[in-house]
Protein backbone atom coordinates (compact mmCIF):
# COMPACT_ATOMS: atom_id res chain seq x y z
CA MET A 1 0.00 0.00 0.00
CA LYS A 2 2.87 2.40 0.84
CA LYS A 3 4.43 1.78 -2.58
CA PHE A 4 1.15 2.55 -4.28
CA LEU A 5 0.72 5.83 -2.37
CA ARG A 6 4.34 6.80 -3.09
CA PHE A 7 3.75 6.07 -6.81
CA ILE A 8 0.57 8.20 -6.83
CA GLY A 9 2.40 11.06 -5.03
CA SER A 10 5.36 10.94 -7.42
CA THR A 11 3.05 10.87 -10.44
CA PHE A 12 1.09 13.83 -9.08
CA ILE A 13 4.25 15.90 -8.48
CA LEU A 14 5.58 15.04 -11.93
CA GLY A 15 2.24 16.03 -13.46
CA LEU A 16 2.31 19.38 -11.66
CA LEU A 17 5.84 20.03 -12.90
CA VAL A 18 4.90 19.27 -16.51
CA TRP A 19 1.78 21.44 -16.21
CA ALA A 20 3.77 24.39 -14.77
CA LEU A 21 6.38 24.18 -17.55
CA THR A 22 3.68 23.98 -20.22
CA ILE A 23 1.88 27.05 -18.87
CA ASN A 24 5.11 29.06 -18.65
CA LEU A 25 6.10 28.20 -22.21
CA ALA A 26 2.61 28.90 -23.56
CA ILE A 27 2.46 32.42 -22.15
CA ALA A 28 6.10 33.39 -22.64
CA PRO A 29 6.29 36.83 -24.27
CA THR A 30 7.49 37.09 -27.84
CA GLN A 31 10.94 38.62 -28.03
CA ALA A 32 11.32 40.84 -31.06
CA ALA A 33 14.71 40.63 -32.72
CA ILE A 34 14.98 44.30 -33.63
CA ARG A 35 18.52 45.44 -34.38
CA GLN A 36 19.59 49.03 -33.82
CA LEU A 37 22.33 50.64 -35.92
CA GLU A 38 23.68 54.17 -36.20
CA GLU A 39 24.32 54.65 -39.93
CA ALA A 40 25.62 58.17 -39.56
CA PRO A 41 25.68 60.71 -36.74
CA GLY A 42 22.05 61.35 -35.86
CA GLN A 43 20.70 58.75 -38.29
CA MET A 44 19.37 55.57 -36.66
CA VAL A 45 18.15 52.39 -38.34
CA TYR A 46 16.06 49.70 -36.66
CA GLN A 47 15.88 46.35 -38.50
CA SER A 48 13.92 43.13 -38.39
CA ARG A 49 15.55 40.36 -40.43
CA GLN A 50 13.74 37.19 -41.45
CA THR A 51 14.23 34.42 -43.99
CA LEU A 52 11.11 33.66 -46.01
CA LYS A 53 10.52 30.80 -48.45
CA ASP A 54 8.91 31.23 -51.86
CA GLN A 55 6.58 28.72 -53.54
CA GLN A 56 9.59 26.98 -55.13
CA GLY A 57 11.37 26.57 -51.78
CA GLY A 58 13.85 29.36 -52.51
CA SER A 59 15.04 31.53 -49.63
CA TRP A 60 14.49 35.28 -49.52
CA GLN A 61 15.91 37.68 -46.97
CA ALA A 62 13.18 40.01 -45.69
CA ILE A 63 14.50 43.12 -43.96
CA ALA A 64 11.89 45.47 -42.56
CA PHE A 65 13.55 48.63 -41.33
CA LYS A 66 12.83 52.06 -39.96
CA ARG A 67 15.33 54.79 -40.80
CA ILE A 68 15.23 57.95 -38.70
CA ARG A 69 17.15 60.85 -40.18
CA ARG A 70 18.74 63.78 -38.36
CA ASN A 71 15.74 65.99 -39.08
CA ASP A 72 13.51 63.38 -37.34
CA THR A 73 11.85 62.24 -40.56
CA ALA A 74 11.35 58.50 -40.69
CA VAL A 75 10.65 55.90 -43.35
CA ILE A 76 9.69 52.25 -42.94
CA TYR A 77 10.66 50.01 -45.82
CA LEU A 78 10.65 46.29 -46.54
CA ARG A 79 13.61 45.04 -48.56
CA LEU A 80 13.28 41.60 -50.18
CA VAL A 81 16.48 39.96 -51.42
CA GLY A 82 16.48 36.76 -53.46
CA PHE A 83 19.40 34.52 -54.31
CA PRO A 84 21.30 36.15 -57.23
CA GLY A 85 19.87 35.16 -60.58
CA THR A 86 16.68 33.58 -59.21
CA ALA A 87 14.25 36.37 -60.06
CA LYS A 88 13.78 39.45 -62.16
CA ILE A 89 11.48 41.64 -60.07
CA ASP A 90 9.26 44.04 -62.00
CA HIS A 91 10.07 47.31 -60.23
CA SER A 92 7.20 49.09 -61.98
CA GLN A 93 4.72 47.04 -59.91
CA PRO A 94 3.88 47.35 -56.20
CA LEU A 95 4.23 44.56 -53.67
CA THR A 96 0.86 42.95 -52.96
CA LEU A 97 0.13 41.90 -49.37
CA THR A 98 -2.87 39.60 -48.86
CA ASP A 99 -3.97 38.19 -45.53
CA SER A 100 -5.77 34.88 -45.05
CA MET A 101 -9.10 36.73 -44.73
CA GLY A 102 -8.69 38.11 -48.27
CA LYS A 103 -7.78 41.71 -47.34
CA THR A 104 -5.33 43.04 -49.92
CA LEU A 105 -2.97 46.00 -49.58
CA THR A 106 -0.19 47.25 -51.82
CA ALA A 107 3.20 48.77 -51.01
CA ALA A 108 4.86 51.06 -53.55
CA ASP A 109 8.18 49.94 -55.04
CA VAL A 110 10.89 52.33 -53.86
CA SER A 111 13.83 50.24 -55.05
CA HIS A 112 15.33 53.28 -56.78
CA ASP A 113 16.14 54.66 -53.28
CA MET A 114 18.63 51.79 -52.77
CA PHE A 115 20.84 52.41 -55.76
CA THR A 116 22.87 55.48 -56.62
CA ASP A 117 23.05 54.36 -60.26
CA LYS A 118 19.39 53.92 -61.21
CA THR A 119 20.34 52.08 -64.40
CA GLN A 120 22.11 49.32 -62.43
CA MET A 121 19.28 48.20 -60.14
CA GLU A 122 19.60 44.57 -59.04
CA SER A 123 16.82 42.42 -60.48
CA ASP A 124 16.59 40.12 -57.46
CA VAL A 125 16.25 42.90 -54.86
CA GLY A 126 13.11 44.93 -54.21
CA GLN A 127 12.35 47.62 -51.66
CA TYR A 128 8.82 48.66 -50.72
CA ASP A 129 7.26 51.45 -48.65
CA LEU A 130 5.47 49.82 -45.70
CA GLN A 131 4.80 52.99 -43.73
CA PRO A 132 1.37 53.87 -45.20
CA ILE A 133 -0.03 50.36 -44.68
CA LEU A 134 1.86 48.86 -41.75
CA MET A 135 -0.75 49.54 -39.08
CA GLN A 136 -3.47 48.08 -41.35
CA LEU A 137 -1.82 44.64 -41.18
CA GLU A 138 -3.62 42.30 -38.77
CA LEU A 139 -1.41 40.87 -36.03
CA ALA A 140 -2.93 37.39 -35.68
CA ILE A 141 -3.38 36.58 -39.36
CA PRO A 142 -0.78 35.08 -41.75
CA LEU A 143 0.20 37.21 -44.71
CA ARG A 144 1.13 36.41 -48.30
CA LEU A 145 3.48 38.72 -50.22
CA THR A 146 3.25 38.64 -54.01
CA LEU A 147 6.07 40.02 -56.15
CA ALA A 148 5.51 40.65 -59.85
CA THR A 149 8.34 39.57 -62.15
CA LEU A 150 9.40 40.63 -65.63
CA ASP A 151 8.52 37.19 -67.05
CA GLN A 152 4.88 37.63 -65.89
CA SER A 153 5.17 34.98 -63.15
CA GLU A 154 4.70 35.77 -59.49
CA ILE A 155 6.84 35.08 -56.47
CA ILE A 156 4.81 34.26 -53.37
CA LEU A 157 6.28 34.56 -49.88
CA ASN A 158 4.38 33.48 -46.77
CA VAL A 159 4.75 35.55 -43.61
CA SER A 160 3.77 34.34 -40.14
CA PRO A 161 1.78 36.51 -37.70
CA ASP A 162 4.88 36.72 -35.45
CA VAL A 163 6.85 38.36 -38.25
CA VAL A 164 4.01 40.81 -38.95
CA GLU A 165 3.99 41.70 -35.25
CA GLU A 166 7.75 42.28 -35.33
CA TRP A 167 7.40 44.53 -38.39
CA ARG A 168 4.65 46.53 -36.70
CA SER A 169 6.85 46.98 -33.62
CA LEU A 170 9.15 49.13 -35.78
CA MET A 171 6.55 51.92 -35.59
CA GLY A 172 7.35 52.40 -31.89
CA GLN A 173 11.11 52.74 -32.37
CA LYS A 174 12.41 56.28 -31.80
């Protein structure tokens, strides 16, 4: 009988331990991986870097960033970088952002801001203005980014709600 009671007690304590760990992990706060850089005196940049996969399994670097200039003007852009030679982005088209509820927004292509020589823009790099639409993105809903290409195909990148939340957190950076 003592062995049975000891077994029940041990099982109960182990169960409580597992339950406590599960609860702590389930409600752990999300830690945003925002990087802070000083590009020039008085000019700060805050970045969120993620790797996204396209529909072919190719990797894309997604860098959402807020640049604050000396005169306190700020821009929030999303830069998408594909593996060299994998895509020819159509820079005359906006980035389309569609959530799983069907809401569609567009972000203007501002890739020309990246390059000093406008005739030598990289075809596998695009930069888009997120600032006008960022707060319209829903936090708990996955997002699909659609890039237009010069060969009329589309590149589709899926974005998790955690990444959208991290991008939105850039608005609060000062």
